[in-house]
Protein backbone atom coordinates (compact mmCIF):
# COMPACT_ATOMS: atom_id res chain seq x y z
CA MET A 1 50.19 -36.58 -63.21
CA THR A 2 49.26 -35.33 -66.59
CA ILE A 3 50.18 -31.82 -67.18
CA THR A 4 48.47 -30.08 -70.01
CA ASN A 5 48.94 -26.40 -71.88
CA ASN A 6 45.74 -25.89 -73.45
CA SER A 7 45.74 -22.04 -72.42
CA GLY A 8 48.92 -21.96 -74.41
CA ILE A 9 51.32 -20.35 -71.80
CA PRO A 10 54.77 -19.48 -73.70
CA LEU A 11 57.36 -22.21 -72.88
CA ALA A 12 59.84 -19.53 -71.17
CA LEU A 13 56.72 -19.07 -68.41
CA ALA A 14 55.58 -22.62 -68.25
CA VAL A 15 59.16 -23.59 -67.05
CA TRP A 16 58.89 -21.46 -64.29
CA LEU A 17 55.46 -22.22 -63.05
CA LEU A 18 56.33 -25.87 -63.13
CA HIS A 19 59.55 -25.61 -61.21
CA ASP A 20 58.90 -27.01 -57.68
CA ASP A 21 61.70 -27.03 -55.28
CA TYR A 22 59.72 -27.57 -52.16
CA ASP A 23 60.92 -30.38 -49.38
CA TYR A 24 58.38 -32.22 -49.50
CA ILE A 25 58.19 -35.13 -46.81
CA ASN A 26 57.55 -38.96 -47.81
CA GLU A 27 57.34 -40.32 -44.42
CA PRO A 28 54.94 -42.87 -42.87
CA ASN A 29 52.59 -41.39 -40.53
CA TYR A 30 54.08 -37.84 -41.36
CA VAL A 31 51.55 -34.95 -41.02
CA SER A 32 52.34 -31.31 -41.79
CA ALA A 33 50.50 -28.57 -40.07
CA THR A 34 48.88 -27.52 -43.69
CA GLY A 35 47.56 -31.21 -43.55
CA LEU A 36 46.09 -31.04 -40.07
CA LEU A 37 44.17 -27.64 -41.06
CA GLU A 38 42.65 -29.71 -43.90
CA PRO A 39 39.30 -31.32 -43.52
CA VAL A 40 39.62 -34.78 -42.33
CA ARG A 41 37.80 -36.10 -45.30
CA GLN A 42 40.01 -34.05 -47.63
CA HIS A 43 43.03 -35.17 -45.83
CA ILE A 44 42.43 -39.03 -45.98
CA LEU A 45 40.55 -39.05 -49.66
CA SER A 46 43.58 -37.10 -51.28
CA LYS A 47 45.54 -39.79 -50.80
CA ARG A 48 43.41 -42.65 -52.41
CA VAL A 49 43.23 -40.60 -55.67
CA PRO A 50 44.61 -42.74 -58.64
CA ARG A 51 47.39 -40.84 -59.86
CA GLU A 52 45.69 -41.50 -63.57
CA MET A 53 42.82 -39.12 -62.54
CA VAL A 54 45.09 -36.27 -61.58
CA ALA A 55 45.01 -33.77 -64.59
CA GLU A 56 46.10 -30.30 -64.41
CA ASP A 57 47.00 -27.16 -66.72
CA VAL A 58 49.88 -25.27 -66.47
CA GLU A 59 47.53 -22.21 -65.85
CA ASP A 60 46.43 -23.87 -62.91
CA PHE A 61 49.97 -23.12 -61.43
CA VAL A 62 49.90 -19.35 -61.89
CA ALA A 63 49.35 -18.36 -58.42
CA ARG A 64 51.32 -21.08 -56.88
CA GLY A 65 54.33 -19.57 -59.22
CA LEU A 66 53.66 -16.08 -58.05
CA GLY A 67 53.65 -17.22 -54.29
CA ASN A 68 56.82 -19.24 -54.35
CA SER A 69 58.81 -16.44 -56.06
CA LEU A 70 57.38 -13.90 -53.64
CA HIS A 71 58.60 -16.12 -51.00
CA SER A 72 62.10 -17.06 -52.56
CA ALA A 73 62.55 -13.15 -53.05
CA ILE A 74 61.79 -12.53 -49.70
CA GLU A 75 63.98 -15.32 -48.18
CA ARG A 76 67.24 -14.42 -50.70
CA VAL A 77 67.25 -10.68 -49.47
CA TRP A 78 67.06 -11.70 -45.81
CA ILE A 79 69.66 -14.16 -46.00
CA ASP A 80 72.72 -11.85 -47.57
CA GLN A 81 71.33 -8.69 -48.82
CA TYR A 82 69.51 -7.03 -46.04
CA ALA A 83 72.46 -4.67 -44.87
CA ILE A 84 71.50 -1.80 -48.04
CA PRO A 85 67.64 -1.88 -47.12
CA LEU A 86 68.15 -1.33 -43.24
CA LYS A 87 70.56 1.51 -43.91
CA LYS A 88 67.81 2.74 -46.54
CA LEU A 89 65.35 2.45 -43.87
CA GLY A 90 67.50 4.65 -40.95
CA TYR A 91 68.86 1.76 -38.72
CA PRO A 92 72.11 2.28 -37.27
CA GLN A 93 75.20 0.17 -38.35
CA SER A 94 74.95 -1.12 -34.62
CA VAL A 95 71.52 -2.74 -35.03
CA ILE A 96 72.64 -3.98 -38.65
CA ASP A 97 75.68 -5.91 -37.31
CA ALA A 98 73.18 -7.41 -34.61
CA VAL A 99 71.28 -9.17 -37.36
CA LEU A 100 72.01 -12.97 -37.29
CA VAL A 101 70.05 -14.98 -40.28
CA ASN A 102 69.21 -18.76 -38.88
CA PRO A 103 71.73 -18.72 -36.50
CA THR A 104 72.97 -21.92 -34.33
CA GLU A 105 71.76 -22.37 -30.81
CA GLN A 106 75.56 -21.53 -30.03
CA GLN A 107 75.38 -18.16 -31.89
CA VAL A 108 72.23 -17.56 -30.09
CA LYS A 109 73.76 -18.24 -26.75
CA ASP A 110 76.99 -16.22 -27.52
CA ASN A 111 74.94 -12.97 -28.55
CA PRO A 112 72.45 -12.26 -26.24
CA ASP A 113 71.60 -8.85 -27.77
CA GLY A 114 71.30 -10.39 -31.53
CA ILE A 115 68.18 -9.53 -33.58
CA PHE A 116 67.70 -13.29 -34.81
CA VAL A 117 65.91 -13.88 -38.18
CA TYR A 118 64.73 -17.22 -39.00
CA LEU A 119 64.00 -17.98 -42.52
CA GLU A 120 62.00 -21.32 -44.11
CA GLN A 121 63.05 -23.37 -41.31
CA ARG A 122 61.36 -26.91 -40.83
CA GLU A 123 60.76 -28.62 -37.53
CA LYS A 124 59.41 -31.92 -36.76
CA ARG A 125 57.83 -33.10 -33.47
CA LYS A 126 56.38 -36.94 -32.17
CA LEU A 127 53.42 -37.38 -30.70
CA GLY A 128 52.58 -40.95 -30.67
CA LYS A 129 53.22 -42.82 -33.67
CA TYR A 130 52.66 -39.90 -35.64
CA THR A 131 55.42 -37.40 -36.85
CA ILE A 132 53.99 -33.64 -36.96
CA GLY A 133 55.93 -30.71 -38.76
CA GLY A 134 55.96 -27.89 -40.41
CA LYS A 135 58.02 -24.83 -42.33
CA PHE A 136 57.20 -21.26 -41.40
CA ASP A 137 58.15 -18.23 -43.65
CA LEU A 138 59.61 -16.33 -41.29
CA VAL A 139 60.36 -15.21 -37.74
CA LEU A 140 61.90 -11.77 -36.74
CA GLU A 141 62.51 -11.29 -33.18
CA GLY A 142 60.10 -13.97 -31.89
CA ILE A 143 57.21 -12.94 -33.99
CA LEU A 144 55.95 -15.38 -36.87
CA HIS A 145 55.37 -13.65 -40.09
CA ASP A 146 53.42 -15.24 -43.02
CA PHE A 147 53.46 -14.37 -46.27
CA LYS A 148 50.35 -13.97 -48.58
CA SER A 149 50.11 -12.79 -52.09
CA THR A 150 46.31 -12.64 -52.87
CA SER A 151 43.60 -10.73 -54.02
CA ALA A 152 42.30 -7.75 -52.47
CA TYR A 153 38.98 -9.18 -51.97
CA SER A 154 40.49 -11.91 -49.95
CA TRP A 155 40.62 -9.38 -47.34
CA VAL A 156 37.22 -7.93 -48.08
CA TYR A 157 35.34 -11.08 -47.91
CA GLY A 158 37.83 -13.41 -46.68
CA ASN A 159 37.09 -14.97 -43.23
CA ARG A 160 40.30 -17.12 -42.41
CA ALA A 161 41.40 -16.01 -38.87
CA GLU A 162 40.79 -19.47 -37.35
CA ASP A 163 43.15 -21.25 -40.14
CA PHE A 164 45.60 -18.70 -39.17
CA ILE A 165 45.62 -18.96 -35.93
CA LEU A 166 45.73 -22.64 -35.46
CA GLN A 167 48.86 -22.85 -38.16
CA GLY A 168 50.48 -20.24 -36.53
CA SER A 169 49.76 -21.95 -32.88
CA ILE A 170 51.07 -25.32 -34.13
CA TYR A 171 54.70 -23.62 -35.68
CA ARG A 172 54.63 -22.21 -32.36
CA TRP A 173 54.16 -25.78 -30.54
CA LEU A 174 57.07 -27.02 -33.04
CA ASN A 175 59.41 -24.14 -32.31
CA PRO A 176 58.93 -22.95 -28.67
CA LYS A 177 62.47 -21.49 -28.74
CA LYS A 178 62.48 -19.55 -32.10
CA ILE A 179 58.58 -18.14 -31.66
CA THR A 180 58.07 -15.97 -28.68
CA SER A 181 55.55 -14.20 -29.29
CA ASP A 182 51.86 -14.63 -28.61
CA TYR A 183 50.68 -13.70 -32.18
CA ILE A 184 51.12 -14.32 -35.80
CA ARG A 185 51.63 -11.71 -38.21
CA ILE A 186 49.82 -12.22 -41.53
CA CYS A 187 51.17 -9.87 -44.34
CA TYR A 188 49.56 -9.55 -47.21
CA ILE A 189 50.84 -8.38 -50.83
CA PHE A 190 47.74 -7.44 -52.85
CA THR A 191 48.14 -8.96 -56.53
CA ASP A 192 45.28 -6.62 -57.93
CA TRP A 193 45.20 -3.68 -55.44
CA GLN A 194 42.93 -0.72 -56.95
CA LYS A 195 43.77 2.75 -55.83
CA ALA A 196 40.10 4.09 -56.63
CA GLN A 197 38.85 1.08 -54.70
CA ALA A 198 40.78 2.13 -51.81
CA LEU A 199 39.44 5.53 -51.79
CA SER A 200 35.72 4.89 -52.19
CA ASN A 201 35.22 1.58 -50.38
CA PRO A 202 35.89 1.55 -46.57
CA ASN A 203 36.02 -2.13 -46.30
CA TYR A 204 38.82 -2.45 -49.07
CA PRO A 205 42.88 -2.81 -48.13
CA ALA A 206 43.78 1.04 -47.85
CA LYS A 207 47.23 0.12 -48.84
CA ARG A 208 48.85 -2.72 -51.33
CA VAL A 209 50.46 -4.15 -48.43
CA GLU A 210 48.71 -4.82 -45.19
CA GLN A 211 49.09 -6.71 -42.15
CA GLN A 212 47.20 -8.35 -39.44
CA ASP A 213 47.76 -9.78 -36.30
CA TYR A 214 46.02 -13.05 -34.80
CA PRO A 215 46.55 -14.09 -31.06
CA LEU A 216 48.08 -17.67 -30.97
CA GLN A 217 46.49 -20.83 -28.73
CA GLU A 218 48.59 -21.88 -25.40
CA PRO A 219 50.85 -24.77 -26.50
CA LEU A 220 49.07 -27.09 -24.38
CA GLN A 221 45.86 -26.12 -25.80
CA ILE A 222 47.03 -26.52 -29.40
CA GLU A 223 48.47 -30.03 -28.52
CA GLU A 224 44.94 -30.93 -27.49
CA TRP A 225 43.59 -29.94 -30.40
CA ILE A 226 46.28 -31.47 -32.70
CA LYS A 227 45.97 -34.73 -30.84
CA ASN A 228 42.17 -34.83 -31.51
CA ARG A 229 43.16 -34.39 -35.45
CA ILE A 230 45.41 -37.23 -35.00
CA ALA A 231 42.87 -39.19 -33.44
CA LEU A 232 40.34 -38.26 -36.05
CA ILE A 233 42.82 -39.33 -39.29
CA GLU A 234 43.52 -42.48 -37.66
CA ARG A 235 39.96 -43.59 -36.93
CA TYR A 236 38.86 -43.09 -40.71
CA LYS A 237 41.96 -43.61 -42.59
CA ASP A 238 41.07 -46.82 -43.98
CA ALA A 239 37.15 -46.53 -43.50
CA ASP A 240 35.11 -46.19 -46.84
CA ASP A 241 34.07 -43.06 -48.34
CA ASP A 242 30.28 -42.85 -46.89
CA ASP A 243 31.71 -43.75 -43.40
CA ILE A 244 34.11 -40.60 -43.26
CA PRO A 245 32.42 -37.51 -41.99
CA GLU A 246 31.36 -34.89 -44.68
CA CYS A 247 33.18 -31.58 -44.66
CA THR A 248 31.05 -28.73 -42.85
CA PRO A 249 29.56 -25.63 -44.86
CA GLU A 250 32.46 -24.00 -42.99
CA GLU A 251 35.03 -26.30 -44.07
CA LEU A 252 33.58 -25.86 -47.91
CA TRP A 253 34.10 -22.36 -47.67
CA MET A 254 30.34 -22.51 -48.71
CA SER A 255 29.06 -19.41 -50.37
CA GLU A 256 25.48 -17.90 -49.05
CA PRO A 257 22.64 -18.15 -51.76
CA LYS A 258 21.36 -15.55 -53.56
CA TYR A 259 17.91 -14.43 -54.50
CA LYS A 260 18.11 -11.96 -57.58
CA TYR A 261 15.24 -9.98 -58.10
CA TYR A 262 14.37 -8.71 -61.76
CA ALA A 263 11.72 -5.98 -62.00
CA ASP A 264 11.51 -7.03 -65.67
CA PRO A 265 11.13 -11.08 -66.31
CA ASN A 266 12.26 -10.54 -69.80
CA LYS A 267 16.19 -8.78 -68.95
CA THR A 268 17.33 -11.64 -66.58
CA SER A 269 20.79 -11.69 -68.30
CA GLY A 270 22.32 -8.62 -66.84
CA ARG A 271 22.32 -6.92 -63.60
CA SER A 272 19.76 -7.54 -61.08
CA THR A 273 17.55 -5.05 -59.71
CA LYS A 274 17.92 -5.93 -56.22
CA ASN A 275 19.60 -8.72 -54.37
CA PHE A 276 18.76 -10.47 -51.26
CA THR A 277 20.25 -13.27 -49.02
CA ASP A 278 16.71 -14.35 -47.91
CA ALA A 279 14.47 -15.94 -49.76
CA ALA A 280 11.21 -14.37 -47.80
CA LYS A 281 12.10 -11.02 -48.24
CA ALA A 282 12.93 -11.46 -51.54
CA ARG A 283 9.22 -12.68 -52.06
CA GLU A 284 8.09 -10.15 -49.90
CA HIS A 285 9.65 -7.41 -52.18
CA GLN A 286 8.10 -8.90 -55.60
CA SER A 287 4.77 -8.80 -53.99
CA LYS A 288 4.98 -5.09 -52.92
CA ALA A 289 6.47 -4.50 -56.27
CA GLY A 290 3.69 -6.54 -58.08
CA LYS A 291 5.84 -7.81 -60.83
CA GLY A 292 9.27 -9.34 -61.84
CA ILE A 293 11.01 -12.69 -61.25
CA ILE A 294 13.31 -14.02 -58.81
CA ILE A 295 16.14 -16.34 -59.55
CA THR A 296 17.96 -18.39 -57.09
CA GLU A 297 21.77 -18.29 -57.29
CA HIS A 298 22.77 -21.43 -55.15
CA ALA A 299 25.39 -21.71 -52.71
CA VAL A 300 28.52 -23.11 -54.00
CA PRO A 301 30.93 -25.27 -51.76
CA LYS A 302 34.41 -23.08 -53.09
CA ARG A 303 36.60 -25.49 -51.40
CA CYS A 304 36.14 -27.97 -53.86
CA GLY A 305 37.65 -26.33 -56.41
CA TYR A 306 40.85 -26.73 -54.90
CA CYS A 307 40.61 -30.13 -53.08
CA ALA A 308 43.06 -32.92 -54.14
CA ALA A 309 39.90 -35.37 -53.20
CA ALA A 310 37.55 -34.01 -55.55
CA PRO A 311 38.20 -36.52 -58.34
CA ILE A 312 36.39 -39.46 -56.33
CA CYS A 313 34.76 -37.61 -52.97
CA LYS A 314 31.17 -38.64 -53.12
CA GLN A 315 30.29 -35.87 -50.90
CA ARG A 316 31.42 -33.47 -53.83
CA GLU A 317 29.47 -35.48 -56.39
CA ARG A 318 26.21 -35.17 -54.47
CA LEU A 319 26.51 -31.58 -53.93
CA PHE A 320 27.14 -30.58 -57.72
CA ASN A 321 24.51 -32.63 -58.78
CA ASP A 322 22.24 -31.20 -56.41
C-alpha cells in the first residue's frame, strides 16, 4: 500500500492517524462478522486487488482515527477507571463493587450477583470448513452495545437498521453466554452536532449522544443466514468478475436521482428553484410554469467510494462511465 500526505497533515497527527493496533486475523477460510455483511462481490474482489493498486492519503484515515480513539478511550475507562464515574452518577458502593470487567467463567460462577462488563472480546466459531469470527465493542449486563462516531446526518438520512441487526445477531450467535439480551443498542456520538438544527429540525438528533435499540434475529435464523452467505462466497470465490453477482442498489447505498428545476435557465449555478424525485412531476411543474429548465442529478453508488474492490470492479467502472 502506498500512503501519501498530499493534504499536508502535520506529522504529529499523521503518526496517530496511521497507527493501527487492530488484531487482524490472517487464517485460511476465516470470515469476520463485518466481512459477512459486505456484498459478496466486494468480499471476493477486494482480495484480488494488487497491492500496487492500493493508494491512500493520510486524510483518508481521519474518520478511522477518531473512531479508534473513541473506542480505546471507552475501553480504557471501563477496564480500570469506572469506579469514580459510577460514584458521580450516584451508584452506591455495593453496586460499584459488584462490577467485574472481562471476568473469567469461574468468576462468573463465583459471583451470581455480579455486574458483568465485557470489552472488545473476539470469539470464533467453526461452520463447516469456515471459521466465523468477530469482536464486539461492549456488553453490559448482557446487552450488546456498539459505538458509532458519525455525522448527525447519518441519523437523519441513514438507514442501516438491517446491517445493525445482522451484525448484532452474528455477535450473539458467537457469544451466547455473554450476550443474553434480544436487542443491540447502537450508541451514537455525533461529531458535527448543532444545537440550532436540533431545535429547528424534528428529524435531527435532539442530543449530541443518542441511542437506538434494534431487535436481534433468533440464533437458528442467523445461523441459516450465515450458511447461505458462506455458500455464496464459496460458489463465487474463484469466479470471473463477470460471473460474480453485481451489488444491488441497496448494497451500493444508491442515492435517489434528483430533478432540479430552475426558473431561469441562465442561473443554474446556485440553488435550484424546486427539487423533484420524480421526472414526470418535474416536467409537469415546468409545463405549468411555462418556462425554466430541468437538470438531472443522477443517482450515485455511494458505497463504491469506500469499497476496497473499487480499483478492479467492472460494475463500478460501468456505473461511473454511465
